[in-house]
Amino acid sequence: MKQRFRRRYRTAKYIFYKETLIDLREHFWTFLGSFVGIALISLLHSEYLSVHDNLFIIGSFGASSVLIYGVINSPLAQPRNLIGGHVICALVGVTVFKLIPNELWLSSALSVSLSIVAMQITKTLHPPGGATALIANIGSEKIHALGYMYVFSPVLTGVLILLLVAIVFNNATPHRKYPHNKHWYKLWKRNYGSKALRK
C-alpha cells in the first residue's frame, strides 16, 4: 500500500513539475512588460474615459497582455495579429452598433461573430479582439459617442503602446525573442541589439 502511494506521489509530482513553468527570469520579464504596458494605457486613457469604460478597455488589453508578454512565441501574439485583430474587431463592433443600436443582444452577438470571421479571413486572429468588438456595443454612452474614433483611440493607441512595450521588454534579454517572425527580429537586433542593451 505504501509503495503504491509513493509511486502515485512521484508520478503526480513529476506531472505537476513538468506542466508548471518555474523560470524566475521568464516570470520577471512577463510581469514587468505587462505591468508597464497596462499602466501606460491606464494612465493615458483615464484622463478622458470613465472608470467603468477604462476597466472594459483594459479587459481586452489584459487578455492581449497574456499573449504578448506570457506566450510570446504564439502566432496569435505576433504584431500582425495584435494590431490587426484589435483594429478589425473595433471597426466591426462600431459598424454593427451603428447599424443596430437598439438591440444590444443582437449587435453584441453579431459583432463578436463577424469579428472572428473577419480575423480568420485576414489572418489576424487575436482572441482578445472579440472583447474589443463587444466593448464597442456594451460600453457606456461615452464609448458610443466616440463612434469610429474608438478604433483610433483608445484601441489603436493602446495596442501600439502594448506592442512597443512588448518589443522592448521581450528583447531585453537573450533568452526571449519577440516578435517571433524572423524579419521583425532581425530588424530589432540590427537597430537595438545586444550592444545597445549593454549601454
Protein backbone atom coordinates (compact mmCIF):
# COMPACT_ATOMS: atom_id res chain seq x y z
CA MET A 1 0.00 0.00 0.00
CA LYS A 2 2.77 2.44 0.99
CA GLN A 3 4.74 1.57 -2.13
CA ARG A 4 1.75 2.24 -4.37
CA PHE A 5 1.13 5.54 -2.59
CA ARG A 6 4.78 6.58 -3.08
CA ARG A 7 4.63 5.67 -6.76
CA ARG A 8 1.49 7.76 -7.25
CA TYR A 9 3.05 10.62 -5.31
CA ARG A 10 6.19 10.53 -7.52
CA THR A 11 4.04 10.40 -10.66
CA ALA A 12 1.89 13.32 -9.52
CA LYS A 13 4.98 15.31 -8.52
CA TYR A 14 6.61 14.63 -11.90
CA ILE A 15 3.47 15.66 -13.84
CA PHE A 16 2.98 18.77 -11.72
CA TYR A 17 6.61 19.79 -12.18
CA LYS A 18 6.64 19.12 -15.93
CA GLU A 19 3.39 21.02 -16.53
CA THR A 20 4.41 24.05 -14.45
CA LEU A 21 6.74 26.73 -15.75
CA ILE A 22 9.13 27.68 -12.96
CA ASP A 23 11.53 30.14 -14.55
CA LEU A 24 12.01 33.25 -12.45
CA ARG A 25 13.57 35.23 -15.31
CA GLU A 26 10.59 34.44 -17.54
CA HIS A 27 8.13 35.42 -14.81
CA PHE A 28 10.05 38.62 -14.07
CA TRP A 29 10.00 39.86 -17.70
CA THR A 30 6.39 38.80 -18.18
CA PHE A 31 5.36 40.72 -15.08
CA LEU A 32 7.43 43.80 -15.88
CA GLY A 33 6.27 44.05 -19.51
CA SER A 34 2.59 43.57 -18.76
CA PHE A 35 2.74 45.95 -15.79
CA VAL A 36 4.36 48.77 -17.78
CA GLY A 37 2.10 48.24 -20.83
CA ILE A 38 -1.16 48.24 -18.90
CA ALA A 39 -0.01 51.06 -16.58
CA LEU A 40 0.80 53.32 -19.55
CA ILE A 41 -2.55 52.66 -21.22
CA SER A 42 -4.45 53.17 -17.95
CA LEU A 43 -2.66 56.43 -17.27
CA LEU A 44 -3.30 57.84 -20.74
CA HIS A 45 -6.91 56.73 -21.09
CA SER A 46 -8.07 57.52 -17.56
CA GLU A 47 -7.85 61.19 -18.46
CA TYR A 48 -10.92 61.10 -20.75
CA LEU A 49 -12.74 57.81 -20.12
CA SER A 50 -14.84 56.96 -17.11
CA VAL A 51 -13.56 54.35 -14.68
CA HIS A 52 -16.21 51.90 -15.91
CA ASP A 53 -15.13 52.19 -19.56
CA ASN A 54 -11.47 52.11 -18.64
CA LEU A 55 -11.97 48.75 -16.96
CA PHE A 56 -13.70 47.31 -20.03
CA ILE A 57 -10.98 48.51 -22.36
CA ILE A 58 -8.26 47.25 -20.11
CA GLY A 59 -10.12 43.93 -20.07
CA SER A 60 -9.40 43.25 -23.73
CA PHE A 61 -5.86 44.63 -23.44
CA GLY A 62 -5.32 42.50 -20.36
CA ALA A 63 -6.09 39.42 -22.43
CA SER A 64 -3.67 40.65 -25.11
CA SER A 65 -1.02 41.07 -22.42
CA VAL A 66 -1.29 37.38 -21.55
CA LEU A 67 -0.36 36.59 -25.15
CA ILE A 68 2.27 39.22 -25.96
CA TYR A 69 4.11 39.04 -22.63
CA GLY A 70 3.39 35.49 -21.49
CA VAL A 71 3.17 33.37 -24.67
CA ILE A 72 5.40 35.42 -26.95
CA ASN A 73 6.05 32.66 -29.50
CA SER A 74 2.36 32.08 -30.19
CA PRO A 75 1.19 33.03 -33.70
CA LEU A 76 -1.76 34.78 -32.00
CA ALA A 77 0.66 37.09 -30.15
CA GLN A 78 2.55 38.44 -33.16
CA PRO A 79 2.27 42.13 -34.18
CA ARG A 80 0.11 41.46 -37.24
CA ASN A 81 -2.41 39.62 -35.09
CA LEU A 82 -2.23 42.06 -32.19
CA ILE A 83 -2.76 45.21 -34.24
CA GLY A 84 -4.92 43.74 -37.00
CA GLY A 85 -7.12 41.76 -34.64
CA HIS A 86 -7.97 44.69 -32.39
CA VAL A 87 -8.41 47.24 -35.18
CA ILE A 88 -10.57 44.98 -37.37
CA CYS A 89 -12.71 43.98 -34.40
CA ALA A 90 -13.12 47.59 -33.32
CA LEU A 91 -14.24 48.54 -36.84
CA VAL A 92 -16.71 45.67 -36.95
CA GLY A 93 -18.01 46.41 -33.44
CA VAL A 94 -18.61 50.10 -34.11
CA THR A 95 -20.20 49.43 -37.52
CA VAL A 96 -22.59 46.82 -36.18
CA PHE A 97 -23.58 49.05 -33.26
CA LYS A 98 -24.29 51.93 -35.65
CA LEU A 99 -26.49 49.65 -37.78
CA ILE A 100 -28.31 48.00 -34.83
CA PRO A 101 -28.13 50.43 -31.88
CA ASN A 102 -31.30 49.38 -30.07
CA GLU A 103 -30.91 45.59 -29.90
CA LEU A 104 -27.91 45.02 -27.65
CA TRP A 105 -28.19 41.22 -27.68
CA LEU A 106 -28.16 41.14 -31.48
CA SER A 107 -25.46 43.76 -32.03
CA SER A 108 -23.21 42.11 -29.43
CA ALA A 109 -23.57 38.63 -30.91
CA LEU A 110 -23.12 39.88 -34.48
CA SER A 111 -20.09 41.98 -33.57
CA VAL A 112 -18.21 39.11 -31.98
CA SER A 113 -19.18 36.56 -34.64
CA LEU A 114 -18.38 38.82 -37.60
CA SER A 115 -15.12 39.86 -35.94
CA ILE A 116 -13.98 36.26 -35.66
CA VAL A 117 -14.73 35.63 -39.34
CA ALA A 118 -13.01 38.89 -40.37
CA MET A 119 -9.90 37.94 -38.39
CA GLN A 120 -9.89 34.48 -39.96
CA ILE A 121 -10.16 35.93 -43.47
CA THR A 122 -7.38 38.47 -42.88
CA LYS A 123 -5.18 36.03 -40.92
CA THR A 124 -5.11 38.34 -37.92
CA LEU A 125 -6.73 36.03 -35.37
CA HIS A 126 -6.24 37.51 -31.89
CA PRO A 127 -8.79 36.25 -29.32
CA PRO A 128 -8.91 39.47 -27.23
CA GLY A 129 -10.16 41.25 -30.36
CA GLY A 130 -13.56 39.68 -29.74
CA ALA A 131 -13.75 41.58 -26.45
CA THR A 132 -12.80 44.80 -28.24
CA ALA A 133 -15.74 44.33 -30.63
CA LEU A 134 -18.04 43.57 -27.70
CA ILE A 135 -16.94 46.68 -25.80
CA ALA A 136 -17.96 48.83 -28.77
CA ASN A 137 -21.51 47.58 -28.13
CA ILE A 138 -21.77 47.23 -24.36
CA GLY A 139 -19.71 50.30 -23.39
CA SER A 140 -21.29 53.42 -21.95
CA GLU A 141 -22.64 56.39 -23.88
CA LYS A 142 -19.13 57.86 -23.80
CA ILE A 143 -17.81 54.87 -25.78
CA HIS A 144 -20.76 55.01 -28.18
CA ALA A 145 -20.24 58.75 -28.68
CA LEU A 146 -16.68 58.10 -29.86
CA GLY A 147 -18.03 56.30 -32.93
CA TYR A 148 -15.19 55.37 -35.26
CA MET A 149 -12.74 57.36 -33.11
CA TYR A 150 -12.96 54.33 -30.80
CA VAL A 151 -10.89 52.47 -33.41
CA PHE A 152 -8.07 55.01 -33.24
CA SER A 153 -8.20 55.92 -29.60
CA PRO A 154 -8.31 54.06 -27.29
CA VAL A 155 -7.95 50.87 -29.40
CA LEU A 156 -5.13 51.60 -31.86
CA THR A 157 -3.19 53.83 -29.49
CA GLY A 158 -3.45 51.24 -26.72
CA VAL A 159 -2.39 48.40 -28.99
CA LEU A 160 0.64 50.36 -30.23
CA ILE A 161 1.69 51.07 -26.64
CA LEU A 162 1.37 47.37 -25.77
CA LEU A 163 3.39 46.44 -28.87
CA LEU A 164 6.23 48.89 -28.21
CA VAL A 165 6.49 47.78 -24.58
CA ALA A 166 6.43 44.12 -25.70
CA ILE A 167 9.25 44.69 -28.20
CA VAL A 168 11.41 46.42 -25.58
CA PHE A 169 10.83 44.06 -22.66
CA ASN A 170 10.67 40.80 -24.60
CA ASN A 171 14.03 41.53 -26.28
CA ALA A 172 15.78 42.88 -23.19
CA THR A 173 17.39 39.50 -22.50
CA PRO A 174 18.94 36.94 -24.84
CA HIS A 175 16.54 34.14 -23.85
CA ARG A 176 13.40 35.97 -25.12
CA LYS A 177 12.67 36.97 -28.71
CA TYR A 178 9.68 38.98 -29.90
CA PRO A 179 8.24 39.22 -32.49
CA HIS A 180 8.78 35.61 -33.40
CA ASN A 181 8.84 36.47 -37.11
CA LYS A 182 12.48 36.43 -38.26
CA HIS A 183 12.15 39.64 -40.28
CA TRP A 184 10.93 41.65 -37.27
CA TYR A 185 13.54 40.11 -35.01
CA LYS A 186 16.42 40.83 -37.42
CA LEU A 187 15.25 44.44 -37.72
CA TRP A 188 15.18 44.78 -33.93
CA LYS A 189 18.61 43.19 -33.48
CA ARG A 190 20.14 45.40 -36.17
CA ASN A 191 18.81 48.62 -34.61
CA TYR A 192 18.65 47.82 -30.89
CA GLY A 193 20.59 44.60 -30.46
CA SER A 194 22.68 43.35 -27.58
CA LYS A 195 25.26 46.17 -27.96
CA ALA A 196 22.56 48.81 -27.46
CA LEU A 197 21.22 46.92 -24.45
CA ARG A 198 24.66 46.73 -22.81
CA LYS A 199 24.99 50.53 -22.93
